[in-house]
């Protein structure tokens, strides 16, 4: 799993079982492999590449990912894997144009590791008129049903919950794609603990302007990509010539406010995962704006690897020909079973 915040590649080993129609999982091990500065720059600039250069990057990234996965298998002495499920790395996401591209999902990896490879979970949904995102909610429903809301704080914040016996999910707002941008102006890759944001001041006019963006008035399903960050959010924010600290404080306040505005269930339990869960200042501001919600931070492993766990689960559903994408979430024409399988003949029966 590689997210838009570009903090690295999450590798997770997970075991799943189905008993009395209830899915259970066991997290065996996991590791996040940070990107080198070279790969960070390549992936950050991939959106600007020509089609031919993007194709070459896809091949290069797939070999890179294959070597990384092979090292992970060797390091963890993994000898009985059923398959590898991979999200890849999103470089283009314009579902309104029928476009979504996750690089690193070529059959090269399957050949390198001599294992079935399940990937490209988003493409079919976009072809069916959906947003291709978010895909995690099927896992939220089947693996984390004890929570009223499941919130992920990564490059973007996205949430899922049950409403009228349907799973509802959507992106709320950018998170680390914005926060990391301003942290870098202060010499850090990210705002650790939200310490920079805590030292600044909320700029009320910028806060109000952000909250008036049209995206927040749209009904779901809806999703965000790095394109909106670069063309809408950053130009708007940087019109206000503030210190990086004040930018961080105001953006953090905006994130907390927008998330809280979605939480309608009283006395609810909210599971928070993703890298943003370690931003103590952001979590404190969320608790301030959502006083009737219990914000739950679980184990470090679940916070860091929940999305990787669920993409492994999407792979399980795919190889068992079970629907793994919900139309109520993505806006596709129907629920469906999405993902390509390479070397399917190697699957254990």
Protein backbone atom coordinates (compact mmCIF):
# COMPACT_ATOMS: atom_id res chain seq x y z
CA UNK A 1 0.00 0.00 0.00
CA UNK A 2 1.37 3.40 -1.01
CA UNK A 3 -0.65 6.51 -0.23
CA UNK A 4 -0.72 10.05 -1.54
CA UNK A 5 1.20 11.37 1.47
CA UNK A 6 4.26 9.54 0.05
CA UNK A 7 5.53 8.50 3.47
CA UNK A 8 6.45 5.05 2.17
CA UNK A 9 5.22 1.60 1.22
CA UNK A 10 3.26 -0.37 3.82
CA UNK A 11 3.80 -4.12 3.71
CA UNK A 12 1.58 -6.31 5.89
CA UNK A 13 1.19 -10.05 6.40
CA UNK A 14 -2.39 -10.89 7.36
CA UNK A 15 -4.32 -14.10 7.97
CA UNK A 16 -8.09 -14.19 7.42
CA UNK A 17 -10.75 -16.68 8.47
CA UNK A 18 -14.49 -16.92 7.89
CA UNK A 19 -16.54 -18.54 10.66
CA UNK A 20 -20.35 -18.49 10.80
CA UNK A 21 -20.35 -15.80 8.09
CA UNK A 22 -18.15 -13.54 10.23
CA UNK A 23 -14.74 -12.47 8.95
CA UNK A 24 -11.80 -12.34 11.35
CA UNK A 25 -8.23 -11.29 10.76
CA UNK A 26 -4.87 -11.66 12.45
CA UNK A 27 -2.08 -9.17 11.81
CA UNK A 28 1.13 -11.21 11.59
CA UNK A 29 3.76 -8.59 10.80
CA UNK A 30 4.26 -5.34 8.98
CA UNK A 31 6.83 -2.83 7.87
CA UNK A 32 6.79 0.63 6.31
CA UNK A 33 9.62 1.21 3.86
CA UNK A 34 10.24 4.96 3.45
CA UNK A 35 10.78 6.35 -0.03
CA UNK A 36 14.22 7.64 -0.92
CA UNK A 37 14.40 11.31 -1.85
CA UNK A 38 14.78 10.24 -5.48
CA UNK A 39 11.61 8.13 -5.49
CA UNK A 40 9.70 10.78 -3.54
CA UNK A 41 10.52 13.35 -6.23
CA UNK A 42 9.66 10.95 -9.06
CA UNK A 43 6.25 10.08 -7.62
CA UNK A 44 5.43 13.64 -6.63
CA UNK A 45 6.10 14.84 -10.19
CA UNK A 46 4.52 11.83 -11.97
CA UNK A 47 1.27 13.73 -12.53
CA UNK A 48 3.11 16.01 -14.99
CA UNK A 49 4.66 13.24 -17.14
CA UNK A 50 3.74 12.46 -20.72
CA UNK A 51 1.94 9.20 -21.41
CA UNK A 52 5.12 7.51 -22.67
CA UNK A 53 7.22 8.70 -19.71
CA UNK A 54 4.49 7.58 -17.32
CA UNK A 55 4.56 4.13 -18.92
CA UNK A 56 8.32 3.94 -18.34
CA UNK A 57 7.89 5.06 -14.73
CA UNK A 58 5.24 2.37 -14.25
CA UNK A 59 7.71 -0.31 -15.38
CA UNK A 60 10.53 1.10 -13.25
CA UNK A 61 8.29 1.40 -10.19
CA UNK A 62 6.95 -2.14 -10.66
CA UNK A 63 10.49 -3.59 -10.66
CA UNK A 64 11.32 -1.47 -7.61
CA UNK A 65 8.19 -2.70 -5.82
CA UNK A 66 8.90 -6.32 -6.78
CA UNK A 67 12.42 -6.17 -5.33
CA UNK A 68 11.11 -4.52 -2.16
CA UNK A 69 8.40 -7.19 -1.73
CA UNK A 70 10.89 -9.97 -2.37
CA UNK A 71 13.17 -8.56 0.34
CA UNK A 72 10.20 -8.36 2.72
CA UNK A 73 9.32 -12.02 2.03
CA UNK A 74 12.91 -13.11 2.66
CA UNK A 75 13.34 -10.99 5.80
CA UNK A 76 10.16 -12.43 7.33
CA UNK A 77 10.85 -16.04 6.22
CA UNK A 78 7.45 -16.19 4.50
CA UNK A 79 7.04 -19.58 2.84
CA UNK A 80 3.30 -20.19 2.71
CA UNK A 81 1.75 -17.10 1.11
CA UNK A 82 -1.50 -17.53 -0.80
CA UNK A 83 -1.05 -14.36 -2.85
CA UNK A 84 0.02 -10.72 -2.78
CA UNK A 85 -2.61 -7.99 -2.99
CA UNK A 86 -1.38 -4.55 -3.99
CA UNK A 87 -2.94 -1.12 -4.19
CA UNK A 88 0.02 0.28 -6.10
CA UNK A 89 0.60 4.03 -6.11
CA UNK A 90 -1.99 6.43 -7.52
CA UNK A 91 -0.56 9.01 -9.91
CA UNK A 92 -3.74 9.97 -11.80
CA UNK A 93 -7.26 10.06 -10.39
CA UNK A 94 -9.88 11.89 -12.46
CA UNK A 95 -12.93 9.62 -12.26
CA UNK A 96 -15.18 12.25 -13.83
CA UNK A 97 -13.09 11.70 -16.98
CA UNK A 98 -12.99 7.93 -16.55
CA UNK A 99 -9.32 8.07 -15.53
CA UNK A 100 -7.54 6.41 -12.63
CA UNK A 101 -4.00 5.00 -12.70
CA UNK A 102 -2.15 3.10 -10.00
CA UNK A 103 1.41 2.29 -11.05
CA UNK A 104 3.25 -0.81 -9.85
CA UNK A 105 0.45 -3.18 -10.85
CA UNK A 106 2.08 -4.95 -13.79
CA UNK A 107 2.38 -8.77 -14.02
CA UNK A 108 6.17 -8.39 -13.62
CA UNK A 109 5.75 -8.69 -9.84
CA UNK A 110 3.86 -11.96 -10.08
CA UNK A 111 6.67 -13.40 -12.20
CA UNK A 112 9.40 -12.06 -9.89
CA UNK A 113 7.89 -13.68 -6.81
CA UNK A 114 6.19 -16.71 -8.43
CA UNK A 115 2.99 -15.85 -6.60
CA UNK A 116 -0.54 -14.87 -7.63
CA UNK A 117 -0.76 -11.07 -7.70
CA UNK A 118 -4.08 -9.27 -7.13
CA UNK A 119 -4.09 -5.59 -8.09
CA UNK A 120 -5.77 -2.69 -9.91
CA UNK A 121 -8.78 -2.58 -7.62
CA UNK A 122 -9.96 0.87 -8.75
CA UNK A 123 -10.10 0.67 -12.55
CA UNK A 124 -13.25 -1.46 -12.91
CA UNK A 125 -15.21 0.80 -10.58
CA UNK A 126 -14.39 3.90 -12.63
CA UNK A 127 -15.42 2.00 -15.78
CA UNK A 128 -18.77 1.34 -14.06
CA UNK A 129 -19.27 5.06 -13.47
CA UNK A 130 -17.93 5.10 -9.92
CA UNK A 131 -15.34 7.26 -8.18
CA UNK A 132 -12.95 4.32 -7.82
CA UNK A 133 -12.71 5.41 -4.19
CA UNK A 134 -12.92 4.88 -1.35
CA UNK A 135 -12.50 1.10 -1.40
CA UNK A 136 -11.74 0.54 2.28
CA UNK A 137 -15.40 0.71 3.51
CA UNK A 138 -16.16 -2.93 2.68
CA UNK A 139 -13.42 -3.80 5.17
CA UNK A 140 -14.78 -1.31 7.68
CA UNK A 141 -18.18 -2.99 7.46
CA UNK A 142 -16.96 -6.58 7.70
CA UNK A 143 -13.91 -6.25 9.98
CA UNK A 144 -14.59 -3.18 12.21
CA UNK A 145 -18.35 -3.18 12.72
CA UNK A 146 -18.05 -2.30 16.43
CA UNK A 147 -17.33 1.33 15.48
CA UNK A 148 -19.97 3.82 14.34
CA UNK A 149 -17.44 5.60 12.13
CA UNK A 150 -14.11 4.59 10.60
CA UNK A 151 -11.87 7.55 9.76
CA UNK A 152 -8.55 7.39 7.95
CA UNK A 153 -6.17 10.33 8.18
CA UNK A 154 -3.66 9.95 5.36
CA UNK A 155 -2.98 12.18 2.41
CA UNK A 156 -6.72 12.83 2.61
CA UNK A 157 -9.30 12.15 5.29
CA UNK A 158 -11.98 9.66 4.38
CA UNK A 159 -14.78 8.23 6.47
CA UNK A 160 -17.28 5.38 6.32
CA UNK A 161 -20.39 4.54 8.34
CA UNK A 162 -23.77 2.80 8.13
CA UNK A 163 -26.83 4.86 7.23
CA UNK A 164 -30.24 3.26 6.65
CA UNK A 165 -28.54 -0.16 6.36
CA UNK A 166 -26.24 1.09 3.62
CA UNK A 167 -22.52 1.77 3.88
CA UNK A 168 -21.79 5.42 3.16
CA UNK A 169 -18.26 6.69 2.57
CA UNK A 170 -16.47 9.62 1.01
CA UNK A 171 -13.37 11.78 1.17
CA UNK A 172 -13.75 14.71 3.56
CA UNK A 173 -10.74 16.95 2.94
CA UNK A 174 -6.98 16.91 2.32
CA UNK A 175 -4.84 16.20 5.38
CA UNK A 176 -1.16 15.27 5.09
CA UNK A 177 -0.94 16.40 1.47
CA UNK A 178 -1.39 19.93 2.87
CA UNK A 179 0.24 19.62 6.29
CA UNK A 180 3.42 18.06 4.92
CA UNK A 181 3.69 20.80 2.31
CA UNK A 182 3.92 23.51 4.97
CA UNK A 183 6.03 21.40 7.36
CA UNK A 184 8.65 21.17 4.60
CA UNK A 185 8.86 24.97 4.62
CA UNK A 186 10.03 24.60 8.21
CA UNK A 187 12.63 21.97 7.37
CA UNK A 188 10.65 18.87 8.39
CA UNK A 189 8.98 16.13 6.36
CA UNK A 190 5.85 16.37 8.52
CA UNK A 191 4.49 18.27 11.51
CA UNK A 192 5.39 15.78 14.22
CA UNK A 193 2.66 15.66 16.86
CA UNK A 194 1.24 18.87 15.37
CA UNK A 195 3.86 20.86 17.28
CA UNK A 196 4.26 23.49 14.56
CA UNK A 197 0.49 23.91 14.26
CA UNK A 198 0.18 24.25 18.02
CA UNK A 199 2.64 27.17 17.96
CA UNK A 200 0.69 29.19 15.38
CA UNK A 201 -2.56 31.14 15.23
CA UNK A 202 -5.76 30.44 13.31
CA UNK A 203 -6.30 32.98 10.54
CA UNK A 204 -10.06 33.41 10.62
CA UNK A 205 -10.51 34.68 7.06
CA UNK A 206 -8.53 31.78 5.56
CA UNK A 207 -10.41 29.34 7.80
CA UNK A 208 -13.75 30.72 6.60
CA UNK A 209 -12.67 30.75 2.96
CA UNK A 210 -11.57 27.10 3.06
CA UNK A 211 -14.88 26.07 4.63
CA UNK A 212 -16.77 27.70 1.72
CA UNK A 213 -15.16 25.50 -0.94
CA UNK A 214 -17.82 23.93 -3.15
CA UNK A 215 -16.56 20.38 -2.51
CA UNK A 216 -18.02 20.51 1.01
CA UNK A 217 -21.52 21.15 -0.34
CA UNK A 218 -21.41 18.19 -2.72
CA UNK A 219 -23.27 15.05 -1.76
CA UNK A 220 -21.37 11.77 -1.77
CA UNK A 221 -20.06 9.67 -3.31
CA UNK A 222 -17.17 12.05 -3.80
CA UNK A 223 -13.41 11.79 -3.72
CA UNK A 224 -10.32 13.96 -3.84
CA UNK A 225 -6.96 13.61 -5.57
CA UNK A 226 -3.65 15.40 -5.60
CA UNK A 227 -4.97 17.35 -8.60
CA UNK A 228 -7.39 19.28 -6.35
CA UNK A 229 -4.66 19.95 -3.80
CA UNK A 230 -2.44 21.50 -6.46
CA UNK A 231 -5.10 23.44 -8.36
CA UNK A 232 -7.59 24.45 -5.65
CA UNK A 233 -6.32 24.16 -2.09
CA UNK A 234 -2.69 25.30 -2.26
CA UNK A 235 -3.33 28.33 -4.53
CA UNK A 236 -6.16 29.45 -2.22
CA UNK A 237 -4.15 28.96 0.98
CA UNK A 238 -1.01 30.62 -0.35
CA UNK A 239 -2.95 33.74 -1.36
CA UNK A 240 -2.85 34.45 2.37
CA UNK A 241 0.74 35.39 3.03
CA UNK A 242 1.12 33.86 6.48
CA UNK A 243 3.92 32.15 8.31
CA UNK A 244 4.17 28.39 7.77
CA UNK A 245 3.10 27.91 11.40
CA UNK A 246 -0.06 29.96 10.91
CA UNK A 247 -0.82 28.12 7.70
CA UNK A 248 -0.45 24.82 9.57
CA UNK A 249 -2.61 25.98 12.48
CA UNK A 250 -5.38 27.20 10.21
CA UNK A 251 -5.33 24.14 7.94
CA UNK A 252 -5.34 21.82 10.97
CA UNK A 253 -8.33 23.68 12.39
CA UNK A 254 -10.08 23.38 9.02
CA UNK A 255 -9.45 19.62 8.89
CA UNK A 256 -10.80 19.06 12.40
CA UNK A 257 -13.84 21.25 11.72
CA UNK A 258 -14.73 19.52 8.46
CA UNK A 259 -14.39 16.04 9.96
CA UNK A 260 -16.53 17.00 12.96
CA UNK A 261 -19.23 18.39 10.65
CA UNK A 262 -19.75 14.88 9.24
CA UNK A 263 -20.24 13.19 12.63
CA UNK A 264 -24.04 13.25 13.07
CA UNK A 265 -24.54 10.19 15.33
CA UNK A 266 -24.72 11.16 19.00
CA UNK A 267 -22.55 9.33 21.52
CA UNK A 268 -20.74 7.57 18.68
CA UNK A 269 -17.42 5.72 18.56
CA UNK A 270 -14.95 6.91 15.91
CA UNK A 271 -12.00 4.69 14.96
CA UNK A 272 -9.09 6.83 13.72
CA UNK A 273 -6.22 5.32 11.74
CA UNK A 274 -3.56 6.51 9.30
CA UNK A 275 -0.49 8.66 9.86
CA UNK A 276 -2.57 11.66 10.91
CA UNK A 277 -3.69 9.76 14.00
CA UNK A 278 -0.24 10.48 15.48
CA UNK A 279 -0.84 14.23 15.12
CA UNK A 280 -1.86 14.92 18.74
CA UNK A 281 -2.80 18.54 18.08
CA UNK A 282 -5.13 17.54 15.22
CA UNK A 283 -6.76 14.84 17.35
CA UNK A 284 -7.24 17.30 20.21
CA UNK A 285 -8.87 19.82 17.86
CA UNK A 286 -11.12 17.07 16.50
CA UNK A 287 -12.20 16.20 20.05
CA UNK A 288 -12.90 19.88 20.65
CA UNK A 289 -15.13 20.18 17.57
CA UNK A 290 -16.85 16.80 18.17
CA UNK A 291 -17.47 16.65 21.94
CA UNK A 292 -20.21 13.99 21.63
CA UNK A 293 -17.95 11.54 19.82
CA UNK A 294 -15.51 9.12 21.45
CA UNK A 295 -12.32 9.27 19.37
CA UNK A 296 -10.62 5.86 19.54
CA UNK A 297 -6.91 5.41 18.80
CA UNK A 298 -6.06 1.70 18.89
CA UNK A 299 -2.75 -0.10 18.51
CA UNK A 300 0.17 1.41 16.62
CA UNK A 301 0.00 -1.52 14.20
CA UNK A 302 -3.65 -0.93 13.35
CA UNK A 303 -3.17 2.84 13.04
CA UNK A 304 -0.30 2.33 10.60
CA UNK A 305 -1.44 -0.73 8.67
CA UNK A 306 -5.26 -0.70 8.60
CA UNK A 307 -5.41 0.26 4.92
CA UNK A 308 -2.85 -2.41 4.00
CA UNK A 309 -4.86 -4.95 6.03
CA UNK A 310 -8.03 -4.03 4.16
CA UNK A 311 -6.40 -4.16 0.75
CA UNK A 312 -5.24 -7.67 1.67
CA UNK A 313 -8.89 -8.36 2.51
CA UNK A 314 -10.01 -6.93 -0.85
CA UNK A 315 -7.68 -9.49 -2.37
CA UNK A 316 -9.29 -12.29 -0.36
CA UNK A 317 -12.73 -11.22 -1.56
CA UNK A 318 -11.47 -11.01 -5.14
CA UNK A 319 -9.97 -14.50 -5.23
CA UNK A 320 -13.16 -15.93 -3.69
CA UNK A 321 -15.29 -14.05 -6.27
CA UNK A 322 -17.08 -12.04 -3.57
CA UNK A 323 -18.11 -8.42 -4.12
CA UNK A 324 -15.44 -6.12 -2.71
CA UNK A 325 -16.70 -2.71 -3.91
CA UNK A 326 -19.93 -1.10 -2.72
CA UNK A 327 -21.88 1.05 -5.16
CA UNK A 328 -23.35 3.10 -2.29
CA UNK A 329 -19.80 4.19 -1.53
CA UNK A 330 -18.32 4.80 -4.97
CA UNK A 331 -21.40 5.66 -7.03
CA UNK A 332 -20.80 2.80 -9.48
CA UNK A 333 -23.79 1.30 -11.30
CA UNK A 334 -23.65 -1.83 -9.13
CA UNK A 335 -21.77 -3.65 -6.38
CA UNK A 336 -18.98 -5.65 -7.94
CA UNK A 337 -15.88 -7.80 -7.48
CA UNK A 338 -12.89 -5.78 -8.65
CA UNK A 339 -9.21 -6.47 -9.26
CA UNK A 340 -6.94 -8.19 -11.74
CA UNK A 341 -5.30 -11.51 -10.86
CA UNK A 342 -1.99 -12.43 -12.46
CA UNK A 343 -0.76 -16.04 -12.27
CA UNK A 344 -4.21 -17.08 -11.06
CA UNK A 345 -3.34 -20.72 -11.77
CA UNK A 346 -0.97 -20.61 -8.74
CA UNK A 347 -3.82 -19.90 -6.32
CA UNK A 348 -4.32 -22.57 -3.69
CA UNK A 349 -7.70 -24.22 -4.00
